[in-house]
């Protein structure tokens, strides 16, 4: 299983702040924060925009099926999904 490394996680958090207009620092976004909490406020449209920005940043494509199967509850789940599907994240973790 491919996880997420610190550099990818840092950049994804920065993208989250930009795309979701969170009004907080990327360092304040912990892995255990619910994606649907008042802090993140993720909905299906925001998720689409966020994943498109991540795909543009790192390359690759996250399939709809992978998103549906991911059971996204918190930031850590999102980072794991990205780590499994984004070439830059996979390469950094030793897989290619």
PDB file of N, CA and C in Angstrom:
ATOM      1  N   UNK A   1       0.839  -1.183   0.000  1.00  0.00           N
ATOM      2  CA  UNK A   1       0.000   0.000   0.000  1.00  0.00           C
ATOM      3  C   UNK A   1       0.879   1.240   0.000  1.00  0.00           C
ATOM      4  N   UNK A   2       0.561   2.153  -0.852  1.00  0.00           N
ATOM      5  CA  UNK A   2       1.321   3.391  -0.934  1.00  0.00           C
ATOM      6  C   UNK A   2       0.659   4.415  -0.037  1.00  0.00           C
ATOM      7  N   UNK A   3       1.411   5.001   0.857  1.00  0.00           N
ATOM      8  CA  UNK A   3       0.880   6.024   1.750  1.00  0.00           C
ATOM      9  C   UNK A   3       1.121   7.403   1.181  1.00  0.00           C
ATOM     10  N   UNK A   4       1.387   8.338   2.057  1.00  0.00           N
ATOM     11  CA  UNK A   4       1.680   9.682   1.591  1.00  0.00           C
ATOM     12  C   UNK A   4       2.929  10.172   2.303  1.00  0.00           C
ATOM     13  N   UNK A   5       3.800  10.866   1.562  1.00  0.00           N
ATOM     14  CA  UNK A   5       5.000  11.379   2.194  1.00  0.00           C
ATOM     15  C   UNK A   5       4.783  12.830   2.606  1.00  0.00           C
ATOM     16  N   UNK A   6       5.709  13.339   3.398  1.00  0.00           N
ATOM     17  CA  UNK A   6       5.550  14.674   3.974  1.00  0.00           C
ATOM     18  C   UNK A   6       5.482  15.772   2.926  1.00  0.00           C
ATOM     19  N   UNK A   7       6.300  15.674   1.886  1.00  0.00           N
ATOM     20  CA  UNK A   7       6.320  16.718   0.862  1.00  0.00           C
ATOM     21  C   UNK A   7       5.008  16.763   0.076  1.00  0.00           C
ATOM     22  N   UNK A   8       4.518  15.589  -0.313  1.00  0.00           N
ATOM     23  CA  UNK A   8       3.246  15.526  -1.035  1.00  0.00           C
ATOM     24  C   UNK A   8       2.117  16.006  -0.126  1.00  0.00           C
ATOM     25  N   UNK A   9       2.100  15.539   1.119  1.00  0.00           N
ATOM     26  CA  UNK A   9       1.054  15.945   2.065  1.00  0.00           C
ATOM     27  C   UNK A   9       1.071  17.457   2.276  1.00  0.00           C
ATOM     28  N   UNK A  10       2.256  18.036   2.385  1.00  0.00           N
ATOM     29  CA  UNK A  10       2.369  19.485   2.570  1.00  0.00           C
ATOM     30  C   UNK A  10       1.768  20.221   1.387  1.00  0.00           C
ATOM     31  N   UNK A  11       2.109  19.779   0.188  1.00  0.00           N
ATOM     32  CA  UNK A  11       1.600  20.455  -1.012  1.00  0.00           C
ATOM     33  C   UNK A  11       0.089  20.258  -1.167  1.00  0.00           C
ATOM     34  N   UNK A  12      -0.406  19.070  -0.859  1.00  0.00           N
ATOM     35  CA  UNK A  12      -1.855  18.837  -0.933  1.00  0.00           C
ATOM     36  C   UNK A  12      -2.577  19.746   0.052  1.00  0.00           C
ATOM     37  N   UNK A  13      -2.033  19.910   1.236  1.00  0.00           N
ATOM     38  CA  UNK A  13      -2.648  20.820   2.217  1.00  0.00           C
ATOM     39  C   UNK A  13      -2.658  22.257   1.691  1.00  0.00           C
ATOM     40  N   UNK A  14      -1.585  22.669   1.043  1.00  0.00           N
ATOM     41  CA  UNK A  14      -1.547  24.012   0.442  1.00  0.00           C
ATOM     42  C   UNK A  14      -2.630  24.148  -0.626  1.00  0.00           C
ATOM     43  N   UNK A  15      -2.784  23.118  -1.451  1.00  0.00           N
ATOM     44  CA  UNK A  15      -3.818  23.131  -2.494  1.00  0.00           C
ATOM     45  C   UNK A  15      -5.201  23.191  -1.854  1.00  0.00           C
ATOM     46  N   UNK A  16      -5.399  22.442  -0.771  1.00  0.00           N
ATOM     47  CA  UNK A  16      -6.688  22.479  -0.070  1.00  0.00           C
ATOM     48  C   UNK A  16      -7.018  23.893   0.392  1.00  0.00           C
ATOM     49  N   UNK A  17      -6.048  24.567   0.988  1.00  0.00           N
ATOM     50  CA  UNK A  17      -6.265  25.933   1.476  1.00  0.00           C
ATOM     51  C   UNK A  17      -6.649  26.852   0.326  1.00  0.00           C
ATOM     52  N   UNK A  18      -5.954  26.711  -0.811  1.00  0.00           N
ATOM     53  CA  UNK A  18      -6.225  27.565  -1.974  1.00  0.00           C
ATOM     54  C   UNK A  18      -7.579  27.260  -2.605  1.00  0.00           C
ATOM     55  N   UNK A  19      -7.824  25.991  -2.921  1.00  0.00           N
ATOM     56  CA  UNK A  19      -9.024  25.601  -3.669  1.00  0.00           C
ATOM     57  C   UNK A  19     -10.286  25.738  -2.822  1.00  0.00           C
ATOM     58  N   UNK A  20     -10.193  25.354  -1.556  1.00  0.00           N
ATOM     59  CA  UNK A  20     -11.369  25.373  -0.689  1.00  0.00           C
ATOM     60  C   UNK A  20     -11.522  26.691   0.062  1.00  0.00           C
ATOM     61  N   UNK A  21     -10.565  27.612  -0.134  1.00  0.00           N
ATOM     62  CA  UNK A  21     -10.600  28.927   0.513  1.00  0.00           C
ATOM     63  C   UNK A  21     -10.836  28.777   2.017  1.00  0.00           C
ATOM     64  N   UNK A  22      -9.946  28.015   2.656  1.00  0.00           N
ATOM     65  CA  UNK A  22     -10.146  27.644   4.052  1.00  0.00           C
ATOM     66  C   UNK A  22      -9.861  28.756   5.050  1.00  0.00           C
ATOM     67  N   UNK A  23      -9.021  29.704   4.703  1.00  0.00           N
ATOM     68  CA  UNK A  23      -8.723  30.783   5.634  1.00  0.00           C
ATOM     69  C   UNK A  23      -7.893  30.338   6.829  1.00  0.00           C
ATOM     70  N   UNK A  24      -7.089  29.313   6.653  1.00  0.00           N
ATOM     71  CA  UNK A  24      -6.173  28.884   7.694  1.00  0.00           C
ATOM     72  C   UNK A  24      -4.887  28.397   7.060  1.00  0.00           C
ATOM     73  N   UNK A  25      -3.916  28.147   7.890  1.00  0.00           N
ATOM     74  CA  UNK A  25      -2.608  27.717   7.416  1.00  0.00           C
ATOM     75  C   UNK A  25      -2.627  26.229   7.072  1.00  0.00           C
ATOM     76  N   UNK A  26      -1.885  25.824   6.042  1.00  0.00           N
ATOM     77  CA  UNK A  26      -1.797  24.394   5.724  1.00  0.00           C
ATOM     78  C   UNK A  26      -1.319  23.552   6.907  1.00  0.00           C
ATOM     79  N   UNK A  27      -0.500  24.127   7.771  1.00  0.00           N
ATOM     80  CA  UNK A  27       0.005  23.374   8.927  1.00  0.00           C
ATOM     81  C   UNK A  27      -1.082  23.103   9.965  1.00  0.00           C
ATOM     82  N   UNK A  28      -2.192  23.804   9.878  1.00  0.00           N
ATOM     83  CA  UNK A  28      -3.311  23.587  10.804  1.00  0.00           C
ATOM     84  C   UNK A  28      -4.214  22.430  10.365  1.00  0.00           C
ATOM     85  N   UNK A  29      -3.996  21.904   9.173  1.00  0.00           N
ATOM     86  CA  UNK A  29      -4.842  20.833   8.643  1.00  0.00           C
ATOM     87  C   UNK A  29      -4.221  19.494   9.033  1.00  0.00           C
ATOM     88  N   UNK A  30      -4.802  18.874  10.052  1.00  0.00           N
ATOM     89  CA  UNK A  30      -4.311  17.588  10.555  1.00  0.00           C
ATOM     90  C   UNK A  30      -4.969  16.431   9.802  1.00  0.00           C
ATOM     91  N   UNK A  31      -4.306  15.294   9.801  1.00  0.00           N
ATOM     92  CA  UNK A  31      -4.833  14.101   9.130  1.00  0.00           C
ATOM     93  C   UNK A  31      -6.178  13.658   9.682  1.00  0.00           C
ATOM     94  N   UNK A  32      -6.433  13.907  10.966  1.00  0.00           N
ATOM     95  CA  UNK A  32      -7.654  13.401  11.593  1.00  0.00           C
ATOM     96  C   UNK A  32      -8.854  14.342  11.484  1.00  0.00           C
ATOM     97  N   UNK A  33      -8.708  15.477  10.823  1.00  0.00           N
ATOM     98  CA  UNK A  33      -9.831  16.407  10.657  1.00  0.00           C
ATOM     99  C   UNK A  33     -10.798  15.847   9.614  1.00  0.00           C
ATOM    100  N   UNK A  34     -12.073  15.802   9.974  1.00  0.00           N
ATOM    101  CA  UNK A  34     -13.101  15.326   9.047  1.00  0.00           C
ATOM    102  C   UNK A  34     -13.183  16.244   7.833  1.00  0.00           C
ATOM    103  N   UNK A  35     -13.316  15.634   6.671  1.00  0.00           N
ATOM    104  CA  UNK A  35     -13.462  16.413   5.437  1.00  0.00           C
ATOM    105  C   UNK A  35     -14.788  17.162   5.403  1.00  0.00           C
ATOM    106  N   UNK A  36     -15.736  16.735   6.222  1.00  0.00           N
ATOM    107  CA  UNK A  36     -17.081  17.314   6.198  1.00  0.00           C
ATOM    108  C   UNK A  36     -17.339  18.214   7.408  1.00  0.00           C
ATOM    109  N   UNK A  37     -16.293  18.483   8.173  1.00  0.00           N
ATOM    110  CA  UNK A  37     -16.405  19.342   9.350  1.00  0.00           C
ATOM    111  C   UNK A  37     -16.563  20.799   8.924  1.00  0.00           C
ATOM    112  N   UNK A  38     -16.957  21.663   9.852  1.00  0.00           N
ATOM    113  CA  UNK A  38     -17.034  23.097   9.542  1.00  0.00           C
ATOM    114  C   UNK A  38     -15.674  23.690   9.135  1.00  0.00           C
ATOM    115  N   UNK A  39     -14.593  23.011   9.482  1.00  0.00           N
ATOM    116  CA  UNK A  39     -13.254  23.496   9.129  1.00  0.00           C
ATOM    117  C   UNK A  39     -12.989  23.312   7.636  1.00  0.00           C
ATOM    118  N   UNK A  40     -13.276  22.131   7.095  1.00  0.00           N
ATOM    119  CA  UNK A  40     -12.980  21.809   5.695  1.00  0.00           C
ATOM    120  C   UNK A  40     -14.182  22.053   4.779  1.00  0.00           C
ATOM    121  N   UNK A  41     -15.372  21.680   5.218  1.00  0.00           N
ATOM    122  CA  UNK A  41     -16.620  21.925   4.461  1.00  0.00           C
ATOM    123  C   UNK A  41     -16.611  21.294   3.064  1.00  0.00           C
ATOM    124  N   UNK A  42     -16.107  20.085   2.953  1.00  0.00           N
ATOM    125  CA  UNK A  42     -16.018  19.441   1.644  1.00  0.00           C
ATOM    126  C   UNK A  42     -17.390  18.958   1.183  1.00  0.00           C
ATOM    127  N   UNK A  43     -17.702  19.228  -0.069  1.00  0.00           N
ATOM    128  CA  UNK A  43     -18.880  18.648  -0.707  1.00  0.00           C
ATOM    129  C   UNK A  43     -18.423  18.065  -2.040  1.00  0.00           C
ATOM    130  N   UNK A  44     -19.331  17.475  -2.785  1.00  0.00           N
ATOM    131  CA  UNK A  44     -18.928  16.779  -4.011  1.00  0.00           C
ATOM    132  C   UNK A  44     -18.298  17.719  -5.034  1.00  0.00           C
ATOM    133  N   UNK A  45     -18.797  18.929  -5.151  1.00  0.00           N
ATOM    134  CA  UNK A  45     -18.234  19.883  -6.106  1.00  0.00           C
ATOM    135  C   UNK A  45     -16.841  20.332  -5.670  1.00  0.00           C
ATOM    136  N   UNK A  46     -16.679  20.623  -4.374  1.00  0.00           N
ATOM    137  CA  UNK A  46     -15.360  21.001  -3.865  1.00  0.00           C
ATOM    138  C   UNK A  46     -14.358  19.864  -4.026  1.00  0.00           C
ATOM    139  N   UNK A  47     -14.820  18.627  -3.800  1.00  0.00           N
ATOM    140  CA  UNK A  47     -13.934  17.474  -3.972  1.00  0.00           C
ATOM    141  C   UNK A  47     -13.453  17.382  -5.414  1.00  0.00           C
ATOM    142  N   UNK A  48     -14.353  17.588  -6.354  1.00  0.00           N
ATOM    143  CA  UNK A  48     -13.990  17.568  -7.770  1.00  0.00           C
ATOM    144  C   UNK A  48     -12.938  18.632  -8.076  1.00  0.00           C
ATOM    145  N   UNK A  49     -13.158  19.858  -7.618  1.00  0.00           N
ATOM    146  CA  UNK A  49     -12.193  20.943  -7.851  1.00  0.00           C
ATOM    147  C   UNK A  49     -10.849  20.631  -7.198  1.00  0.00           C
ATOM    148  N   UNK A  50     -10.896  20.104  -5.988  1.00  0.00           N
ATOM    149  CA  UNK A  50      -9.673  19.780  -5.269  1.00  0.00           C
ATOM    150  C   UNK A  50      -8.878  18.698  -5.995  1.00  0.00           C
ATOM    151  N   UNK A  51      -9.547  17.628  -6.401  1.00  0.00           N
ATOM    152  CA  UNK A  51      -8.841  16.538  -7.080  1.00  0.00           C
ATOM    153  C   UNK A  51      -8.314  16.961  -8.446  1.00  0.00           C
ATOM    154  N   UNK A  52      -9.045  17.822  -9.140  1.00  0.00           N
ATOM    155  CA  UNK A  52      -8.540  18.341 -10.418  1.00  0.00           C
ATOM    156  C   UNK A  52      -7.264  19.152 -10.198  1.00  0.00           C
ATOM    157  N   UNK A  53      -7.225  19.958  -9.146  1.00  0.00           N
ATOM    158  CA  UNK A  53      -6.031  20.749  -8.840  1.00  0.00           C
ATOM    159  C   UNK A  53      -4.859  19.844  -8.467  1.00  0.00           C
ATOM    160  N   UNK A  54      -5.131  18.783  -7.715  1.00  0.00           N
ATOM    161  CA  UNK A  54      -4.082  17.831  -7.340  1.00  0.00           C
ATOM    162  C   UNK A  54      -3.554  17.112  -8.579  1.00  0.00           C
ATOM    163  N   UNK A  55      -4.453  16.677  -9.449  1.00  0.00           N
ATOM    164  CA  UNK A  55      -4.034  16.009 -10.687  1.00  0.00           C
ATOM    165  C   UNK A  55      -3.189  16.940 -11.551  1.00  0.00           C
ATOM    166  N   UNK A  56      -3.570  18.193 -11.615  1.00  0.00           N
ATOM    167  CA  UNK A  56      -2.799  19.164 -12.395  1.00  0.00           C
ATOM    168  C   UNK A  56      -1.420  19.389 -11.785  1.00  0.00           C
ATOM    169  N   UNK A  57      -1.358  19.454 -10.474  1.00  0.00           N
ATOM    170  CA  UNK A  57      -0.090  19.690  -9.775  1.00  0.00           C
ATOM    171  C   UNK A  57       0.880  18.523  -9.929  1.00  0.00           C
ATOM    172  N   UNK A  58       0.389  17.307  -9.751  1.00  0.00           N
ATOM    173  CA  UNK A  58       1.260  16.138  -9.698  1.00  0.00           C
ATOM    174  C   UNK A  58       1.220  15.267 -10.942  1.00  0.00           C
ATOM    175  N   UNK A  59       0.261  15.484 -11.821  1.00  0.00           N
ATOM    176  CA  UNK A  59       0.087  14.604 -12.969  1.00  0.00           C
ATOM    177  C   UNK A  59      -0.767  13.412 -12.588  1.00  0.00           C
ATOM    178  N   UNK A  60      -1.140  12.653 -13.566  1.00  0.00           N
ATOM    179  CA  UNK A  60      -1.941  11.468 -13.305  1.00  0.00           C
ATOM    180  C   UNK A  60      -3.424  11.773 -13.245  1.00  0.00           C
ATOM    181  N   UNK A  61      -4.185  10.739 -12.926  1.00  0.00           N
ATOM    182  CA  UNK A  61      -5.642  10.858 -12.871  1.00  0.00           C
ATOM    183  C   UNK A  61      -6.167   9.914 -11.809  1.00  0.00           C
ATOM    184  N   UNK A  62      -7.089  10.393 -11.018  1.00  0.00           N
ATOM    185  CA  UNK A  62      -7.734   9.569 -10.005  1.00  0.00           C
ATOM    186  C   UNK A  62      -9.091   9.152 -10.557  1.00  0.00           C
ATOM    187  N   UNK A  63      -9.269   7.867 -10.752  1.00  0.00           N
ATOM    188  CA  UNK A  63     -10.504   7.334 -11.327  1.00  0.00           C
ATOM    189  C   UNK A  63     -11.674   7.512 -10.367  1.00  0.00           C
ATOM    190  N   UNK A  64     -12.854   7.741 -10.934  1.00  0.00           N
ATOM    191  CA  UNK A  64     -14.067   7.877 -10.125  1.00  0.00           C
ATOM    192  C   UNK A  64     -14.274   6.654  -9.234  1.00  0.00           C
ATOM    193  N   UNK A  65     -14.009   5.494  -9.778  1.00  0.00           N
ATOM    194  CA  UNK A  65     -14.163   4.251  -9.014  1.00  0.00           C
ATOM    195  C   UNK A  65     -13.274   4.247  -7.772  1.00  0.00           C
ATOM    196  N   UNK A  66     -12.035   4.726  -7.916  1.00  0.00           N
ATOM    197  CA  UNK A  66     -11.119   4.787  -6.777  1.00  0.00           C
ATOM    198  C   UNK A  66     -11.629   5.755  -5.714  1.00  0.00           C
ATOM    199  N   UNK A  67     -12.216   6.856  -6.157  1.00  0.00           N
ATOM    200  CA  UNK A  67     -12.767   7.836  -5.219  1.00  0.00           C
ATOM    201  C   UNK A  67     -13.938   7.221  -4.455  1.00  0.00           C
ATOM    202  N   UNK A  68     -14.826   6.544  -5.175  1.00  0.00           N
ATOM    203  CA  UNK A  68     -16.005   5.942  -4.549  1.00  0.00           C
ATOM    204  C   UNK A  68     -15.614   4.857  -3.539  1.00  0.00           C
ATOM    205  N   UNK A  69     -14.561   4.113  -3.842  1.00  0.00           N
ATOM    206  CA  UNK A  69     -14.124   3.025  -2.966  1.00  0.00           C
ATOM    207  C   UNK A  69     -13.257   3.505  -1.806  1.00  0.00           C
ATOM    208  N   UNK A  70     -12.839   4.750  -1.824  1.00  0.00           N
ATOM    209  CA  UNK A  70     -11.872   5.246  -0.851  1.00  0.00           C
ATOM    210  C   UNK A  70     -12.455   5.485   0.535  1.00  0.00           C
ATOM    211  N   UNK A  71     -13.760   5.623   0.673  1.00  0.00           N
ATOM    212  CA  UNK A  71     -14.385   5.887   1.970  1.00  0.00           C
ATOM    213  C   UNK A  71     -13.714   7.090   2.644  1.00  0.00           C
ATOM    214  N   UNK A  72     -13.764   8.210   1.964  1.00  0.00           N
ATOM    215  CA  UNK A  72     -13.105   9.425   2.433  1.00  0.00           C
ATOM    216  C   UNK A  72     -13.839  10.020   3.627  1.00  0.00           C
ATOM    217  N   UNK A  73     -13.203   9.959   4.781  1.00  0.00           N
ATOM    218  CA  UNK A  73     -13.774  10.534   5.998  1.00  0.00           C
ATOM    219  C   UNK A  73     -12.958  11.708   6.523  1.00  0.00           C
ATOM    220  N   UNK A  74     -11.629  11.604   6.403  1.00  0.00           N
ATOM    221  CA  UNK A  74     -10.775  12.655   6.968  1.00  0.00           C
ATOM    222  C   UNK A  74      -9.633  12.987   6.004  1.00  0.00           C
ATOM    223  N   UNK A  75      -8.840  13.953   6.392  1.00  0.00           N
ATOM    224  CA  UNK A  75      -7.734  14.415   5.544  1.00  0.00           C
ATOM    225  C   UNK A  75      -6.749  13.278   5.273  1.00  0.00           C
ATOM    226  N   UNK A  76      -6.478  12.455   6.259  1.00  0.00           N
ATOM    227  CA  UNK A  76      -5.576  11.321   6.070  1.00  0.00           C
ATOM    228  C   UNK A  76      -6.066  10.363   4.994  1.00  0.00           C
ATOM    229  N   UNK A  77      -7.381  10.122   4.957  1.00  0.00           N
ATOM    230  CA  UNK A  77      -7.953   9.265   3.910  1.00  0.00           C
ATOM    231  C   UNK A  77      -7.727   9.874   2.530  1.00  0.00           C
ATOM    232  N   UNK A  78      -7.908  11.178   2.430  1.00  0.00           N
ATOM    233  CA  UNK A  78      -7.695  11.877   1.160  1.00  0.00           C
ATOM    234  C   UNK A  78      -6.234  11.777   0.728  1.00  0.00           C
ATOM    235  N   UNK A  79      -5.316  11.974   1.671  1.00  0.00           N
ATOM    236  CA  UNK A  79      -3.889  11.884   1.351  1.00  0.00           C
ATOM    237  C   UNK A  79      -3.506  10.471   0.911  1.00  0.00           C
ATOM    238  N   UNK A  80      -4.110   9.467   1.518  1.00  0.00           N
ATOM    239  CA  UNK A  80      -3.846   8.084   1.117  1.00  0.00           C
ATOM    240  C   UNK A  80      -4.343   7.826  -0.300  1.00  0.00           C
ATOM    241  N   UNK A  81      -5.548   8.296  -0.609  1.00  0.00           N
ATOM    242  CA  UNK A  81      -6.090   8.162  -1.967  1.00  0.00           C
ATOM    243  C   UNK A  81      -5.148   8.801  -2.983  1.00  0.00           C
ATOM    244  N   UNK A  82      -4.684   9.995  -2.694  1.00  0.00           N
ATOM    245  CA  UNK A  82      -3.778  10.701  -3.603  1.00  0.00           C
ATOM    246  C   UNK A  82      -2.458   9.946  -3.718  1.00  0.00           C
ATOM    247  N   UNK A  83      -1.928   9.471  -2.605  1.00  0.00           N
ATOM    248  CA  UNK A  83      -0.677   8.719  -2.616  1.00  0.00           C
ATOM    249  C   UNK A  83      -0.742   7.458  -3.459  1.00  0.00           C
ATOM    250  N   UNK A  84      -1.924   6.858  -3.529  1.00  0.00           N
ATOM    251  CA  UNK A  84      -2.107   5.637  -4.323  1.00  0.00           C
ATOM    252  C   UNK A  84      -2.274   5.915  -5.807  1.00  0.00           C
ATOM    253  N   UNK A  85      -2.665   7.124  -6.158  1.00  0.00           N
ATOM    254  CA  UNK A  85      -3.063   7.408  -7.539  1.00  0.00           C
ATOM    255  C   UNK A  85      -2.255   8.480  -8.249  1.00  0.00           C
ATOM    256  N   UNK A  86      -1.385   9.160  -7.537  1.00  0.00           N
ATOM    257  CA  UNK A  86      -0.620  10.251  -8.138  1.00  0.00           C
ATOM    258  C   UNK A  86       0.813   9.782  -8.369  1.00  0.00           C
ATOM    259  N   UNK A  87       1.279   9.806  -9.619  1.00  0.00           N
ATOM    260  CA  UNK A  87       2.625   9.302  -9.922  1.00  0.00           C
ATOM    261  C   UNK A  87       3.730   9.919  -9.074  1.00  0.00           C
ATOM    262  N   UNK A  88       3.687  11.213  -8.828  1.00  0.00           N
ATOM    263  CA  UNK A  88       4.741  11.864  -8.042  1.00  0.00           C
ATOM    264  C   UNK A  88       4.794  11.290  -6.635  1.00  0.00           C
ATOM    265  N   UNK A  89       3.640  11.029  -6.045  1.00  0.00           N
ATOM    266  CA  UNK A  89       3.592  10.471  -4.696  1.00  0.00           C
ATOM    267  C   UNK A  89       4.085   9.033  -4.690  1.00  0.00           C
ATOM    268  N   UNK A  90       3.699   8.252  -5.679  1.00  0.00           N
ATOM    269  CA  UNK A  90       4.121   6.854  -5.757  1.00  0.00           C
ATOM    270  C   UNK A  90       5.622   6.749  -5.956  1.00  0.00           C
ATOM    271  N   UNK A  91       6.189   7.598  -6.799  1.00  0.00           N
ATOM    272  CA  UNK A  91       7.624   7.585  -7.060  1.00  0.00           C
ATOM    273  C   UNK A  91       8.407   7.923  -5.802  1.00  0.00           C
ATOM    274  N   UNK A  92       7.944   8.892  -5.039  1.00  0.00           N
ATOM    275  CA  UNK A  92       8.641   9.285  -3.822  1.00  0.00           C
ATOM    276  C   UNK A  92       8.612   8.188  -2.767  1.00  0.00           C
ATOM    277  N   UNK A  93       7.591   7.326  -2.816  1.00  0.00           N
ATOM    278  CA  UNK A  93       7.478   6.251  -1.839  1.00  0.00           C
ATOM    279  C   UNK A  93       8.198   4.980  -2.274  1.00  0.00           C
ATOM    280  N   UNK A  94       8.900   5.035  -3.393  1.00  0.00           N
ATOM    281  CA  UNK A  94       9.691   3.898  -3.829  1.00  0.00           C
ATOM    282  C   UNK A  94       9.004   2.993  -4.832  1.00  0.00           C
ATOM    283  N   UNK A  95       7.764   3.272  -5.150  1.00  0.00           N
ATOM    284  CA  UNK A  95       7.072   2.494  -6.177  1.00  0.00           C
ATOM    285  C   UNK A  95       7.135   3.263  -7.476  1.00  0.00           C
ATOM    286  N   UNK A  96       7.049   2.573  -8.559  1.00  0.00           N
ATOM    287  CA  UNK A  96       7.005   3.286  -9.836  1.00  0.00           C
ATOM    288  C   UNK A  96       6.440   2.384 -10.836  1.00  0.00           C
TER     289      UNK A  96
END
